[in-house]
Amino acid sequence: MNENKENQTSGQVHDTEKPDGDSISLTGKSKLLSRLDNFWFHYKWPVIIGAFFLIVFIIGLVQILGRTDNDAAVAFAGPAYISPNDCAAIENELSKILPDDYTGDGKKVVKFSSYTVYYENDLEGKDTSSIDLSQNSTNKGNYEDYVSSGECSIYFVGKNFYDNFITHNRVQSMSDIFGENLPEGITADGYGVRLGDLPIYQLDAFRVMPEDTYVCLTRPYIYGESSKEDRYAEAVEVYKAIINFGQ
């Protein structure tokens, strides 16, 4: 009897002390979590900073790979709203006029930027209730920043912007651009052409701009695309193609 009890007791002890699978798993997880906690405590900021720069790098790489290089840049600034669809239509027509595929990627691409800006004399006698004066001021600032970037040399601008270009000696004279072969319709000051006097204005896409818009070519800037000799030479060719279209 005693021996049987001892054997049963011994068996019960062994069964109780036998670790099961759950105990092993919990112990393993605890060690792993402890190591992760320890790693995060010591290397948290290097990991965060490294992840931030990795994300920035990936975003930049995606933008670079997905970017389409422009063969030419053209901008409008004046008292008219040009919708994104209208801008696309103008880009399409300008791409047909381009003398060459300057980027060599097999496509002719023009970037057309539009800035709706009204001066006081543009608003005389007009209903101004639909014009957001705060946005108008913002648009003017954005346009001035774009001009200062030197990324564009070909401009379609309202009379106020055109006069400002001339005042600050920012535009090329037509004689410097065309030499003795001056095109028809040059303004009296000799620095541009009124859009309404150009054959290109007969294209529907360009008629969203006022006929009193002036087409001019700015001088090379100290930085940006216009500061590069080859890119500026291309801009001159594109400007000539626009002015000579249909003549």
Protein backbone atom coordinates (compact mmCIF):
# COMPACT_ATOMS: atom_id res chain seq x y z
CA MET A 1 0.00 0.00 0.00
CA ASN A 2 2.71 2.51 0.95
CA GLU A 3 4.74 1.68 -2.11
CA ASN A 4 1.72 2.28 -4.37
CA LYS A 5 1.05 5.65 -2.73
CA GLU A 6 4.67 6.65 -3.11
CA ASN A 7 4.61 5.69 -6.80
CA GLN A 8 1.39 7.62 -7.36
CA THR A 9 2.75 10.63 -5.52
CA SER A 10 5.97 10.42 -7.46
CA GLY A 11 4.05 10.30 -10.73
CA GLN A 12 1.96 13.27 -9.76
CA VAL A 13 5.06 15.30 -8.95
CA HIS A 14 6.65 14.50 -12.26
CA ASP A 15 3.47 15.42 -14.16
CA THR A 16 3.23 18.77 -12.38
CA GLU A 17 6.85 19.67 -12.99
CA LYS A 18 6.73 18.80 -16.66
CA PRO A 19 6.73 22.05 -18.63
CA ASP A 20 4.21 22.30 -21.45
CA GLY A 21 4.53 23.97 -24.85
CA ASP A 22 2.78 27.17 -23.76
CA SER A 23 5.33 27.83 -21.06
CA ILE A 24 8.19 27.57 -23.56
CA SER A 25 6.43 29.84 -26.04
CA LEU A 26 5.75 32.53 -23.47
CA THR A 27 9.31 32.44 -22.25
CA GLY A 28 10.61 32.75 -25.81
CA LYS A 29 8.30 35.65 -26.57
CA SER A 30 9.31 37.43 -23.40
CA LYS A 31 12.98 37.22 -24.32
CA LEU A 32 12.30 38.48 -27.85
CA LEU A 33 10.18 41.38 -26.60
CA SER A 34 12.83 42.21 -24.05
CA ARG A 35 15.50 42.34 -26.74
CA LEU A 36 13.29 44.50 -28.98
CA ASP A 37 12.54 46.86 -26.11
CA ASN A 38 16.22 47.12 -25.34
CA PHE A 39 17.09 47.77 -29.00
CA TRP A 40 14.36 50.42 -29.35
CA PHE A 41 15.50 52.12 -26.13
CA HIS A 42 19.08 52.48 -27.38
CA TYR A 43 18.51 53.01 -31.13
CA LYS A 44 15.10 54.66 -31.35
CA TRP A 45 16.26 58.01 -32.81
CA PRO A 46 18.75 56.57 -35.31
CA VAL A 47 15.95 54.30 -36.59
CA ILE A 48 13.46 57.19 -36.85
CA ILE A 49 15.94 59.49 -38.59
CA GLY A 50 17.07 56.74 -40.93
CA ALA A 51 13.47 55.88 -41.83
CA PHE A 52 12.72 59.55 -42.51
CA PHE A 53 15.61 59.95 -44.94
CA LEU A 54 14.76 56.64 -46.59
CA ILE A 55 11.19 57.82 -47.22
CA VAL A 56 12.45 61.16 -48.60
CA PHE A 57 14.87 59.32 -50.87
CA ILE A 58 12.18 56.97 -52.18
CA ILE A 59 9.75 59.85 -52.85
CA GLY A 60 12.46 61.82 -54.64
CA LEU A 61 13.46 58.81 -56.72
CA VAL A 62 9.85 58.16 -57.75
CA GLN A 63 9.43 61.81 -58.78
CA ILE A 64 12.65 61.78 -60.79
CA LEU A 65 11.79 58.54 -62.58
CA GLY A 66 8.22 59.68 -63.27
CA ARG A 67 9.10 63.19 -64.36
CA THR A 68 8.71 64.26 -67.97
CA ASP A 69 11.34 66.76 -69.06
CA ASN A 70 9.99 69.80 -70.86
CA ASP A 71 11.39 70.92 -74.19
CA ALA A 72 10.20 74.46 -73.50
CA ALA A 73 8.51 76.54 -70.82
CA VAL A 74 5.98 79.26 -71.59
CA ALA A 75 3.99 81.38 -69.14
CA PHE A 76 0.98 83.68 -69.14
CA ALA A 77 0.22 86.47 -66.66
CA GLY A 78 -2.67 88.84 -67.08
CA PRO A 79 -6.35 89.62 -66.58
CA ALA A 80 -7.81 86.30 -67.67
CA TYR A 81 -8.51 82.94 -66.08
CA ILE A 82 -7.11 80.03 -68.06
CA SER A 83 -8.47 76.68 -66.90
CA PRO A 84 -6.32 73.53 -66.67
CA ASN A 85 -8.05 72.20 -69.80
CA ASP A 86 -7.28 75.42 -71.65
CA CYS A 87 -3.66 75.22 -70.53
CA ALA A 88 -3.47 71.66 -71.84
CA ALA A 89 -4.89 72.80 -75.20
CA ILE A 90 -2.28 75.57 -75.44
CA GLU A 91 0.49 73.11 -74.55
CA ASN A 92 -0.74 70.79 -77.28
CA GLU A 93 -0.65 73.54 -79.93
CA LEU A 94 2.75 74.80 -78.81
CA SER A 95 4.19 71.28 -78.95
CA LYS A 96 3.26 71.18 -82.65
CA ILE A 97 5.17 74.43 -83.21
CA LEU A 98 8.37 73.35 -81.47
CA PRO A 99 11.28 73.29 -83.93
CA ASP A 100 12.89 70.26 -82.31
CA ASP A 101 12.76 67.58 -79.61
CA TYR A 102 15.34 69.28 -77.40
CA THR A 103 15.41 66.65 -74.66
CA GLY A 104 15.85 63.80 -77.15
CA ASP A 105 13.21 61.63 -75.49
CA GLY A 106 11.12 61.25 -78.64
CA LYS A 107 8.43 63.67 -77.44
CA LYS A 108 7.85 67.39 -77.80
CA VAL A 109 6.57 68.70 -74.49
CA VAL A 110 5.78 72.28 -73.50
CA LYS A 111 5.03 73.40 -69.96
CA PHE A 112 2.50 76.25 -69.95
CA SER A 113 2.01 78.08 -66.64
CA SER A 114 -0.84 80.53 -66.09
CA TYR A 115 -1.21 83.33 -63.51
CA THR A 116 -4.47 85.23 -63.35
CA VAL A 117 -3.62 88.74 -62.14
CA TYR A 118 -5.68 91.92 -62.34
CA TYR A 119 -4.28 95.43 -61.96
CA GLU A 120 -6.53 98.33 -61.00
CA ASN A 121 -6.77 99.56 -64.59
CA ASP A 122 -7.82 96.05 -65.66
CA LEU A 123 -10.82 96.29 -63.35
CA GLU A 124 -12.09 99.71 -64.39
CA GLY A 125 -15.71 99.52 -65.47
CA LYS A 126 -15.95 95.82 -64.65
CA ASP A 127 -17.91 93.87 -62.04
CA THR A 128 -15.31 92.92 -59.44
CA SER A 129 -17.67 90.97 -57.17
CA SER A 130 -16.44 87.66 -58.56
CA ILE A 131 -12.75 88.51 -58.15
CA ASP A 132 -10.97 87.33 -55.01
CA LEU A 133 -8.58 90.19 -54.31
CA SER A 134 -6.64 88.14 -51.77
CA GLN A 135 -6.11 85.35 -54.32
CA ASN A 136 -5.25 87.98 -56.90
CA SER A 137 -2.44 89.21 -54.66
CA THR A 138 -1.24 85.64 -54.10
CA ASN A 139 -1.23 84.96 -57.85
CA LYS A 140 0.83 88.09 -58.45
CA GLY A 141 3.39 86.98 -55.86
CA ASN A 142 3.57 83.48 -57.34
CA TYR A 143 4.12 84.94 -60.80
CA GLU A 144 6.92 87.21 -59.58
CA ASP A 145 8.58 84.25 -57.85
CA TYR A 146 8.35 82.25 -61.08
CA VAL A 147 9.92 85.05 -63.12
CA SER A 148 12.72 85.32 -60.55
CA SER A 149 13.39 81.59 -60.78
CA GLY A 150 14.72 81.98 -64.31
CA GLU A 151 12.95 78.79 -65.40
CA CYS A 152 11.05 80.47 -68.23
CA SER A 153 12.03 82.93 -70.97
CA ILE A 154 8.90 83.08 -73.16
CA TYR A 155 6.01 85.13 -71.77
CA PHE A 156 2.47 86.02 -72.81
CA VAL A 157 1.70 88.97 -70.52
CA GLY A 158 -0.80 91.77 -69.97
CA LYS A 159 0.20 95.36 -70.68
CA ASN A 160 1.18 96.12 -67.07
CA PHE A 161 3.56 93.17 -66.87
CA TYR A 162 4.96 93.97 -70.30
CA ASP A 163 5.71 97.58 -69.32
CA ASN A 164 7.31 96.34 -66.11
CA PHE A 165 9.62 94.05 -68.08
CA ILE A 166 10.72 96.96 -70.25
CA THR A 167 11.19 99.31 -67.29
CA HIS A 168 13.53 96.84 -65.60
CA ASN A 169 15.35 95.95 -68.84
CA ARG A 170 14.27 92.33 -68.61
CA VAL A 171 13.26 91.69 -72.23
CA GLN A 172 15.23 91.23 -75.43
CA SER A 173 14.62 93.68 -78.26
CA MET A 174 13.15 92.14 -81.38
CA SER A 175 16.11 93.36 -83.42
CA ASP A 176 18.48 91.42 -81.12
CA ILE A 177 16.39 88.30 -81.67
CA PHE A 178 15.57 88.53 -85.38
CA GLY A 179 18.31 90.80 -86.70
CA GLU A 180 17.32 92.40 -90.01
CA ASN A 181 14.54 89.86 -90.66
CA LEU A 182 12.02 91.51 -88.36
CA PRO A 183 8.54 89.97 -88.30
CA GLU A 184 5.36 91.95 -88.88
CA GLY A 185 3.37 93.50 -86.06
CA ILE A 186 6.23 94.48 -83.74
CA THR A 187 5.23 96.98 -81.05
CA ALA A 188 6.44 100.57 -81.40
CA ASP A 189 8.89 100.10 -78.54
CA GLY A 190 10.47 97.17 -80.40
CA TYR A 191 10.32 94.63 -77.56
CA GLY A 192 7.42 92.37 -78.42
CA VAL A 193 4.35 91.61 -80.46
CA ARG A 194 0.70 92.01 -79.57
CA LEU A 195 -0.88 88.54 -79.49
CA GLY A 196 -3.98 89.71 -81.34
CA ASP A 197 -1.79 90.75 -84.28
CA LEU A 198 -0.20 87.30 -84.66
CA PRO A 199 -1.56 84.53 -86.91
CA ILE A 200 -1.23 82.13 -83.99
CA TYR A 201 -4.12 83.96 -82.33
CA GLN A 202 -6.44 82.46 -84.93
CA LEU A 203 -6.00 79.09 -83.20
CA ASP A 204 -8.85 78.51 -80.77
CA ALA A 205 -6.54 77.44 -77.96
CA PHE A 206 -4.88 80.87 -77.79
CA ARG A 207 -8.10 82.88 -77.84
CA VAL A 208 -8.62 82.32 -74.10
CA MET A 209 -5.97 85.02 -73.66
CA PRO A 210 -6.91 88.68 -74.29
CA GLU A 211 -5.86 90.01 -77.68
CA ASP A 212 -3.99 92.79 -75.85
CA THR A 213 -1.58 90.20 -74.46
CA TYR A 214 2.06 90.80 -75.41
CA VAL A 215 4.46 88.05 -76.44
CA CYS A 216 8.04 88.70 -75.38
CA LEU A 217 11.34 87.00 -74.61
CA THR A 218 13.15 87.80 -71.37
CA ARG A 219 16.90 88.12 -71.12
CA PRO A 220 18.98 85.27 -69.64
CA TYR A 221 18.78 85.23 -65.86
CA ILE A 222 21.52 84.60 -63.30
CA TYR A 223 20.17 81.11 -62.53
CA GLY A 224 17.50 78.70 -63.68
CA GLU A 225 17.07 77.23 -67.15
CA SER A 226 17.50 80.63 -68.82
CA SER A 227 20.98 80.93 -67.34
CA LYS A 228 22.12 77.88 -69.34
CA GLU A 229 23.43 78.89 -72.75
CA ASP A 230 22.06 75.88 -74.62
CA ARG A 231 18.62 76.04 -72.99
CA TYR A 232 18.32 79.75 -73.64
CA ALA A 233 19.26 79.24 -77.30
CA GLU A 234 16.44 76.69 -77.53
CA ALA A 235 14.02 79.19 -75.99
CA VAL A 236 15.01 81.74 -78.63
CA GLU A 237 14.22 79.19 -81.36
CA VAL A 238 10.83 78.42 -79.83
CA TYR A 239 10.02 82.13 -79.49
CA LYS A 240 10.85 82.70 -83.14
CA ALA A 241 8.65 79.77 -84.13
CA ILE A 242 5.72 81.25 -82.18
CA ILE A 243 6.13 84.73 -83.69
CA ASN A 244 6.69 83.40 -87.23
CA PHE A 245 3.82 80.90 -87.11
CA GLY A 246 1.62 81.38 -90.17
CA GLN A 247 3.78 84.13 -91.65
